Amino acid sequence: MSTIAETIEIRLNGDAKRIAAGLTVAALLRELGLEPQLVVVEHNREILERSRYDATPVRAGDVLELVHFVGGG
């Protein structure tokens, strides 16, 4: 029995990144410490509606671009 969690490789903002297998977009954002309401996600060259973050799995080879909005003045 293996104790090493299965990982997959994706491209995140242009860089190769290994993440746990089985995550949804929403779960990935949480893992990255990002608030889903403040992030726009491009998933495989298409803007993903926020209402679909929980239902969209992240698979090996996926390409994600994240734009995180921050407040300030």
PDB file of N, CA and C in Angstrom:
ATOM      1  N   MET A   1       0.842  -1.184   0.000  1.00  0.00           N
ATOM      2  CA  MET A   1       0.000   0.000   0.000  1.00  0.00           C
ATOM      3  C   MET A   1       0.884   1.243   0.000  1.00  0.00           C
ATOM      4  N   SER A   2       0.593   2.181  -0.891  1.00  0.00           N
ATOM      5  CA  SER A   2       1.384   3.402  -1.012  1.00  0.00           C
ATOM      6  C   SER A   2       0.843   4.477  -0.093  1.00  0.00           C
ATOM      7  N   THR A   3       1.749   5.214   0.543  1.00  0.00           N
ATOM      8  CA  THR A   3       1.334   6.325   1.397  1.00  0.00           C
ATOM      9  C   THR A   3       1.500   7.660   0.683  1.00  0.00           C
ATOM     10  N   ILE A   4       2.032   7.625  -0.535  1.00  0.00           N
ATOM     11  CA  ILE A   4       2.219   8.849  -1.301  1.00  0.00           C
ATOM     12  C   ILE A   4       0.930   9.150  -2.063  1.00  0.00           C
ATOM     13  N   ALA A   5       0.415  10.356  -1.875  1.00  0.00           N
ATOM     14  CA  ALA A   5      -0.817  10.758  -2.559  1.00  0.00           C
ATOM     15  C   ALA A   5      -0.554  10.871  -4.055  1.00  0.00           C
ATOM     16  N   GLU A   6      -1.520  10.473  -4.847  1.00  0.00           N
ATOM     17  CA  GLU A   6      -1.400  10.578  -6.294  1.00  0.00           C
ATOM     18  C   GLU A   6      -1.447  12.038  -6.705  1.00  0.00           C
ATOM     19  N   THR A   7      -0.553  12.420  -7.611  1.00  0.00           N
ATOM     20  CA  THR A   7      -0.539  13.786  -8.114  1.00  0.00           C
ATOM     21  C   THR A   7      -0.636  13.778  -9.627  1.00  0.00           C
ATOM     22  N   ILE A   8      -1.027  14.930 -10.160  1.00  0.00           N
ATOM     23  CA  ILE A   8      -1.090  15.140 -11.600  1.00  0.00           C
ATOM     24  C   ILE A   8      -0.328  16.418 -11.912  1.00  0.00           C
ATOM     25  N   GLU A   9       0.053  16.570 -13.171  1.00  0.00           N
ATOM     26  CA  GLU A   9       0.720  17.800 -13.586  1.00  0.00           C
ATOM     27  C   GLU A   9      -0.220  18.634 -14.437  1.00  0.00           C
ATOM     28  N   ILE A  10      -0.281  19.922 -14.105  1.00  0.00           N
ATOM     29  CA  ILE A  10      -1.064  20.888 -14.875  1.00  0.00           C
ATOM     30  C   ILE A  10      -0.150  22.063 -15.208  1.00  0.00           C
ATOM     31  N   ARG A  11      -0.652  22.983 -16.019  1.00  0.00           N
ATOM     32  CA  ARG A  11       0.042  24.254 -16.241  1.00  0.00           C
ATOM     33  C   ARG A  11      -0.796  25.321 -15.546  1.00  0.00           C
ATOM     34  N   LEU A  12      -0.157  26.046 -14.646  1.00  0.00           N
ATOM     35  CA  LEU A  12      -0.842  27.070 -13.868  1.00  0.00           C
ATOM     36  C   LEU A  12      -0.127  28.391 -14.083  1.00  0.00           C
ATOM     37  N   ASN A  13      -0.825  29.324 -14.724  1.00  0.00           N
ATOM     38  CA  ASN A  13      -0.241  30.626 -15.057  1.00  0.00           C
ATOM     39  C   ASN A  13       1.099  30.464 -15.767  1.00  0.00           C
ATOM     40  N   GLY A  14       1.157  29.501 -16.698  1.00  0.00           N
ATOM     41  CA  GLY A  14       2.326  29.309 -17.538  1.00  0.00           C
ATOM     42  C   GLY A  14       3.399  28.379 -16.997  1.00  0.00           C
ATOM     43  N   ASP A  15       3.261  27.955 -15.738  1.00  0.00           N
ATOM     44  CA  ASP A  15       4.274  27.093 -15.127  1.00  0.00           C
ATOM     45  C   ASP A  15       3.728  25.697 -14.869  1.00  0.00           C
ATOM     46  N   ALA A  16       4.586  24.696 -15.031  1.00  0.00           N
ATOM     47  CA  ALA A  16       4.199  23.330 -14.676  1.00  0.00           C
ATOM     48  C   ALA A  16       4.046  23.254 -13.159  1.00  0.00           C
ATOM     49  N   LYS A  17       2.988  22.586 -12.711  1.00  0.00           N
ATOM     50  CA  LYS A  17       2.732  22.444 -11.276  1.00  0.00           C
ATOM     51  C   LYS A  17       2.129  21.075 -11.023  1.00  0.00           C
ATOM     52  N   ARG A  18       2.594  20.423  -9.964  1.00  0.00           N
ATOM     53  CA  ARG A  18       2.016  19.141  -9.550  1.00  0.00           C
ATOM     54  C   ARG A  18       1.028  19.426  -8.435  1.00  0.00           C
ATOM     55  N   ILE A  19      -0.166  18.844  -8.566  1.00  0.00           N
ATOM     56  CA  ILE A  19      -1.216  19.023  -7.564  1.00  0.00           C
ATOM     57  C   ILE A  19      -1.811  17.657  -7.234  1.00  0.00           C
ATOM     58  N   ALA A  20      -2.536  17.590  -6.157  1.00  0.00           N
ATOM     59  CA  ALA A  20      -3.214  16.349  -5.796  1.00  0.00           C
ATOM     60  C   ALA A  20      -4.242  16.000  -6.862  1.00  0.00           C
ATOM     61  N   ALA A  21      -4.344  14.731  -7.179  1.00  0.00           N
ATOM     62  CA  ALA A  21      -5.359  14.265  -8.134  1.00  0.00           C
ATOM     63  C   ALA A  21      -6.732  14.380  -7.489  1.00  0.00           C
ATOM     64  N   GLY A  22      -7.750  14.594  -8.299  1.00  0.00           N
ATOM     65  CA  GLY A  22      -9.122  14.581  -7.822  1.00  0.00           C
ATOM     66  C   GLY A  22      -9.665  15.919  -7.360  1.00  0.00           C
ATOM     67  N   LEU A  23      -8.894  16.994  -7.530  1.00  0.00           N
ATOM     68  CA  LEU A  23      -9.377  18.313  -7.103  1.00  0.00           C
ATOM     69  C   LEU A  23     -10.332  18.901  -8.133  1.00  0.00           C
ATOM     70  N   THR A  24     -11.267  19.689  -7.648  1.00  0.00           N
ATOM     71  CA  THR A  24     -12.068  20.539  -8.531  1.00  0.00           C
ATOM     72  C   THR A  24     -11.366  21.889  -8.607  1.00  0.00           C
ATOM     73  N   VAL A  25     -11.837  22.748  -9.498  1.00  0.00           N
ATOM     74  CA  VAL A  25     -11.271  24.094  -9.586  1.00  0.00           C
ATOM     75  C   VAL A  25     -11.422  24.806  -8.245  1.00  0.00           C
ATOM     76  N   ALA A  26     -12.598  24.701  -7.610  1.00  0.00           N
ATOM     77  CA  ALA A  26     -12.818  25.349  -6.313  1.00  0.00           C
ATOM     78  C   ALA A  26     -11.841  24.825  -5.266  1.00  0.00           C
ATOM     79  N   ALA A  27     -11.625  23.520  -5.224  1.00  0.00           N
ATOM     80  CA  ALA A  27     -10.704  22.934  -4.254  1.00  0.00           C
ATOM     81  C   ALA A  27      -9.269  23.390  -4.525  1.00  0.00           C
ATOM     82  N   LEU A  28      -8.888  23.510  -5.785  1.00  0.00           N
ATOM     83  CA  LEU A  28      -7.556  23.995  -6.126  1.00  0.00           C
ATOM     84  C   LEU A  28      -7.377  25.426  -5.633  1.00  0.00           C
ATOM     85  N   LEU A  29      -8.379  26.262  -5.855  1.00  0.00           N
ATOM     86  CA  LEU A  29      -8.286  27.647  -5.385  1.00  0.00           C
ATOM     87  C   LEU A  29      -8.101  27.695  -3.873  1.00  0.00           C
ATOM     88  N   ARG A  30      -8.850  26.855  -3.149  1.00  0.00           N
ATOM     89  CA  ARG A  30      -8.707  26.806  -1.682  1.00  0.00           C
ATOM     90  C   ARG A  30      -7.294  26.365  -1.303  1.00  0.00           C
ATOM     91  N   GLU A  31      -6.766  25.353  -2.006  1.00  0.00           N
ATOM     92  CA  GLU A  31      -5.404  24.870  -1.730  1.00  0.00           C
ATOM     93  C   GLU A  31      -4.376  25.979  -1.940  1.00  0.00           C
ATOM     94  N   LEU A  32      -4.645  26.849  -2.900  1.00  0.00           N
ATOM     95  CA  LEU A  32      -3.733  27.947  -3.201  1.00  0.00           C
ATOM     96  C   LEU A  32      -3.958  29.159  -2.301  1.00  0.00           C
ATOM     97  N   GLY A  33      -4.978  29.074  -1.426  1.00  0.00           N
ATOM     98  CA  GLY A  33      -5.281  30.168  -0.508  1.00  0.00           C
ATOM     99  C   GLY A  33      -5.986  31.335  -1.164  1.00  0.00           C
ATOM    100  N   LEU A  34      -6.705  31.058  -2.251  1.00  0.00           N
ATOM    101  CA  LEU A  34      -7.405  32.106  -2.986  1.00  0.00           C
ATOM    102  C   LEU A  34      -8.909  32.055  -2.722  1.00  0.00           C
ATOM    103  N   GLU A  35      -9.528  33.215  -2.670  1.00  0.00           N
ATOM    104  CA  GLU A  35     -10.974  33.338  -2.488  1.00  0.00           C
ATOM    105  C   GLU A  35     -11.641  33.235  -3.856  1.00  0.00           C
ATOM    106  N   PRO A  36     -12.453  32.190  -4.088  1.00  0.00           N
ATOM    107  CA  PRO A  36     -13.059  31.993  -5.412  1.00  0.00           C
ATOM    108  C   PRO A  36     -13.821  33.199  -5.951  1.00  0.00           C
ATOM    109  N   GLN A  37     -14.423  33.996  -5.076  1.00  0.00           N
ATOM    110  CA  GLN A  37     -15.187  35.152  -5.543  1.00  0.00           C
ATOM    111  C   GLN A  37     -14.282  36.267  -6.077  1.00  0.00           C
ATOM    112  N   LEU A  38     -12.984  36.171  -5.801  1.00  0.00           N
ATOM    113  CA  LEU A  38     -12.046  37.207  -6.234  1.00  0.00           C
ATOM    114  C   LEU A  38     -11.104  36.724  -7.333  1.00  0.00           C
ATOM    115  N   VAL A  39     -11.433  35.575  -7.942  1.00  0.00           N
ATOM    116  CA  VAL A  39     -10.555  34.988  -8.953  1.00  0.00           C
ATOM    117  C   VAL A  39     -11.353  34.707 -10.228  1.00  0.00           C
ATOM    118  N   VAL A  40     -10.758  35.075 -11.354  1.00  0.00           N
ATOM    119  CA  VAL A  40     -11.283  34.670 -12.658  1.00  0.00           C
ATOM    120  C   VAL A  40     -10.405  33.518 -13.124  1.00  0.00           C
ATOM    121  N   VAL A  41     -11.044  32.432 -13.575  1.00  0.00           N
ATOM    122  CA  VAL A  41     -10.315  31.240 -13.997  1.00  0.00           C
ATOM    123  C   VAL A  41     -10.534  31.004 -15.492  1.00  0.00           C
ATOM    124  N   GLU A  42      -9.423  30.889 -16.204  1.00  0.00           N
ATOM    125  CA  GLU A  42      -9.468  30.426 -17.588  1.00  0.00           C
ATOM    126  C   GLU A  42      -9.020  28.973 -17.549  1.00  0.00           C
ATOM    127  N   HIS A  43      -9.903  28.084 -17.969  1.00  0.00           N
ATOM    128  CA  HIS A  43      -9.653  26.644 -17.914  1.00  0.00           C
ATOM    129  C   HIS A  43      -9.605  26.125 -19.345  1.00  0.00           C
ATOM    130  N   ASN A  44      -8.427  25.699 -19.763  1.00  0.00           N
ATOM    131  CA  ASN A  44      -8.230  25.201 -21.130  1.00  0.00           C
ATOM    132  C   ASN A  44      -8.738  26.191 -22.178  1.00  0.00           C
ATOM    133  N   ARG A  45      -8.325  27.460 -21.986  1.00  0.00           N
ATOM    134  CA  ARG A  45      -8.575  28.556 -22.933  1.00  0.00           C
ATOM    135  C   ARG A  45     -10.008  29.066 -22.939  1.00  0.00           C
ATOM    136  N   GLU A  46     -10.810  28.680 -21.956  1.00  0.00           N
ATOM    137  CA  GLU A  46     -12.177  29.199 -21.848  1.00  0.00           C
ATOM    138  C   GLU A  46     -12.397  29.749 -20.452  1.00  0.00           C
ATOM    139  N   ILE A  47     -13.019  30.940 -20.378  1.00  0.00           N
ATOM    140  CA  ILE A  47     -13.349  31.508 -19.070  1.00  0.00           C
ATOM    141  C   ILE A  47     -14.394  30.612 -18.418  1.00  0.00           C
ATOM    142  N   LEU A  48     -14.137  30.233 -17.187  1.00  0.00           N
ATOM    143  CA  LEU A  48     -15.027  29.342 -16.446  1.00  0.00           C
ATOM    144  C   LEU A  48     -15.942  30.169 -15.554  1.00  0.00           C
ATOM    145  N   GLU A  49     -17.239  29.936 -15.656  1.00  0.00           N
ATOM    146  CA  GLU A  49     -18.193  30.634 -14.795  1.00  0.00           C
ATOM    147  C   GLU A  49     -17.982  30.206 -13.347  1.00  0.00           C
ATOM    148  N   ARG A  50     -18.035  31.161 -12.422  1.00  0.00           N
ATOM    149  CA  ARG A  50     -17.831  30.838 -11.004  1.00  0.00           C
ATOM    150  C   ARG A  50     -18.782  29.758 -10.518  1.00  0.00           C
ATOM    151  N   SER A  51     -19.985  29.736 -11.041  1.00  0.00           N
ATOM    152  CA  SER A  51     -20.979  28.742 -10.611  1.00  0.00           C
ATOM    153  C   SER A  51     -20.541  27.318 -10.956  1.00  0.00           C
ATOM    154  N   ARG A  52     -19.532  27.173 -11.818  1.00  0.00           N
ATOM    155  CA  ARG A  52     -19.056  25.846 -12.228  1.00  0.00           C
ATOM    156  C   ARG A  52     -17.761  25.436 -11.532  1.00  0.00           C
ATOM    157  N   TYR A  53     -17.178  26.283 -10.690  1.00  0.00           N
ATOM    158  CA  TYR A  53     -15.910  25.960 -10.031  1.00  0.00           C
ATOM    159  C   TYR A  53     -15.994  24.658  -9.247  1.00  0.00           C
ATOM    160  N   ASP A  54     -17.101  24.468  -8.498  1.00  0.00           N
ATOM    161  CA  ASP A  54     -17.239  23.260  -7.669  1.00  0.00           C
ATOM    162  C   ASP A  54     -17.430  21.986  -8.489  1.00  0.00           C
ATOM    163  N   ALA A  55     -17.967  22.115  -9.686  1.00  0.00           N
ATOM    164  CA  ALA A  55     -18.303  20.934 -10.483  1.00  0.00           C
ATOM    165  C   ALA A  55     -17.261  20.611 -11.558  1.00  0.00           C
ATOM    166  N   THR A  56     -16.245  21.453 -11.696  1.00  0.00           N
ATOM    167  CA  THR A  56     -15.265  21.253 -12.771  1.00  0.00           C
ATOM    168  C   THR A  56     -14.009  20.588 -12.225  1.00  0.00           C
ATOM    169  N   PRO A  57     -13.746  19.345 -12.637  1.00  0.00           N
ATOM    170  CA  PRO A  57     -12.529  18.666 -12.175  1.00  0.00           C
ATOM    171  C   PRO A  57     -11.293  19.221 -12.873  1.00  0.00           C
ATOM    172  N   VAL A  58     -10.181  19.193 -12.165  1.00  0.00           N
ATOM    173  CA  VAL A  58      -8.892  19.535 -12.764  1.00  0.00           C
ATOM    174  C   VAL A  58      -8.222  18.211 -13.117  1.00  0.00           C
ATOM    175  N   ARG A  59      -7.868  18.072 -14.395  1.00  0.00           N
ATOM    176  CA  ARG A  59      -7.295  16.820 -14.890  1.00  0.00           C
ATOM    177  C   ARG A  59      -5.858  17.035 -15.346  1.00  0.00           C
ATOM    178  N   ALA A  60      -5.115  15.961 -15.399  1.00  0.00           N
ATOM    179  CA  ALA A  60      -3.729  16.017 -15.875  1.00  0.00           C
ATOM    180  C   ALA A  60      -3.687  16.691 -17.242  1.00  0.00           C
ATOM    181  N   GLY A  61      -2.753  17.606 -17.395  1.00  0.00           N
ATOM    182  CA  GLY A  61      -2.582  18.297 -18.664  1.00  0.00           C
ATOM    183  C   GLY A  61      -3.421  19.546 -18.827  1.00  0.00           C
ATOM    184  N   ASP A  62      -4.340  19.808 -17.893  1.00  0.00           N
ATOM    185  CA  ASP A  62      -5.156  21.019 -17.981  1.00  0.00           C
ATOM    186  C   ASP A  62      -4.270  22.256 -17.905  1.00  0.00           C
ATOM    187  N   VAL A  63      -4.742  23.315 -18.554  1.00  0.00           N
ATOM    188  CA  VAL A  63      -4.061  24.598 -18.528  1.00  0.00           C
ATOM    189  C   VAL A  63      -4.991  25.592 -17.860  1.00  0.00           C
ATOM    190  N   LEU A  64      -4.523  26.172 -16.747  1.00  0.00           N
ATOM    191  CA  LEU A  64      -5.326  27.154 -16.010  1.00  0.00           C
ATOM    192  C   LEU A  64      -4.572  28.457 -15.884  1.00  0.00           C
ATOM    193  N   GLU A  65      -5.287  29.533 -16.106  1.00  0.00           N
ATOM    194  CA  GLU A  65      -4.766  30.880 -15.873  1.00  0.00           C
ATOM    195  C   GLU A  65      -5.673  31.500 -14.818  1.00  0.00           C
ATOM    196  N   LEU A  66      -5.076  32.007 -13.759  1.00  0.00           N
ATOM    197  CA  LEU A  66      -5.832  32.610 -12.666  1.00  0.00           C
ATOM    198  C   LEU A  66      -5.515  34.097 -12.601  1.00  0.00           C
ATOM    199  N   VAL A  67      -6.572  34.890 -12.524  1.00  0.00           N
ATOM    200  CA  VAL A  67      -6.413  36.324 -12.325  1.00  0.00           C
ATOM    201  C   VAL A  67      -7.084  36.635 -11.002  1.00  0.00           C
ATOM    202  N   HIS A  68      -6.271  37.100 -10.046  1.00  0.00           N
ATOM    203  CA  HIS A  68      -6.736  37.357  -8.691  1.00  0.00           C
ATOM    204  C   HIS A  68      -6.857  38.856  -8.491  1.00  0.00           C
ATOM    205  N   PHE A  69      -8.041  39.307  -8.067  1.00  0.00           N
ATOM    206  CA  PHE A  69      -8.272  40.717  -7.836  1.00  0.00           C
ATOM    207  C   PHE A  69      -7.969  41.057  -6.387  1.00  0.00           C
ATOM    208  N   VAL A  70      -7.275  42.148  -6.189  1.00  0.00           N
ATOM    209  CA  VAL A  70      -6.978  42.602  -4.834  1.00  0.00           C
ATOM    210  C   VAL A  70      -7.456  44.045  -4.691  1.00  0.00           C
ATOM    211  N   GLY A  71      -7.914  44.357  -3.507  1.00  0.00           N
ATOM    212  CA  GLY A  71      -8.381  45.708  -3.233  1.00  0.00           C
ATOM    213  C   GLY A  71      -7.204  46.603  -2.870  1.00  0.00           C
ATOM    214  N   GLY A  72      -7.450  47.845  -2.909  1.00  0.00           N
ATOM    215  CA  GLY A  72      -6.407  48.799  -2.545  1.00  0.00           C
ATOM    216  C   GLY A  72      -6.837  50.202  -2.914  1.00  0.00           C
ATOM    217  N   GLY A  73      -6.003  51.104  -2.583  1.00  0.00           N
ATOM    218  CA  GLY A  73      -6.381  52.471  -2.898  1.00  0.00           C
ATOM    219  C   GLY A  73      -5.241  53.415  -2.941  1.00  0.00           C
TER     220      GLY A  73
END
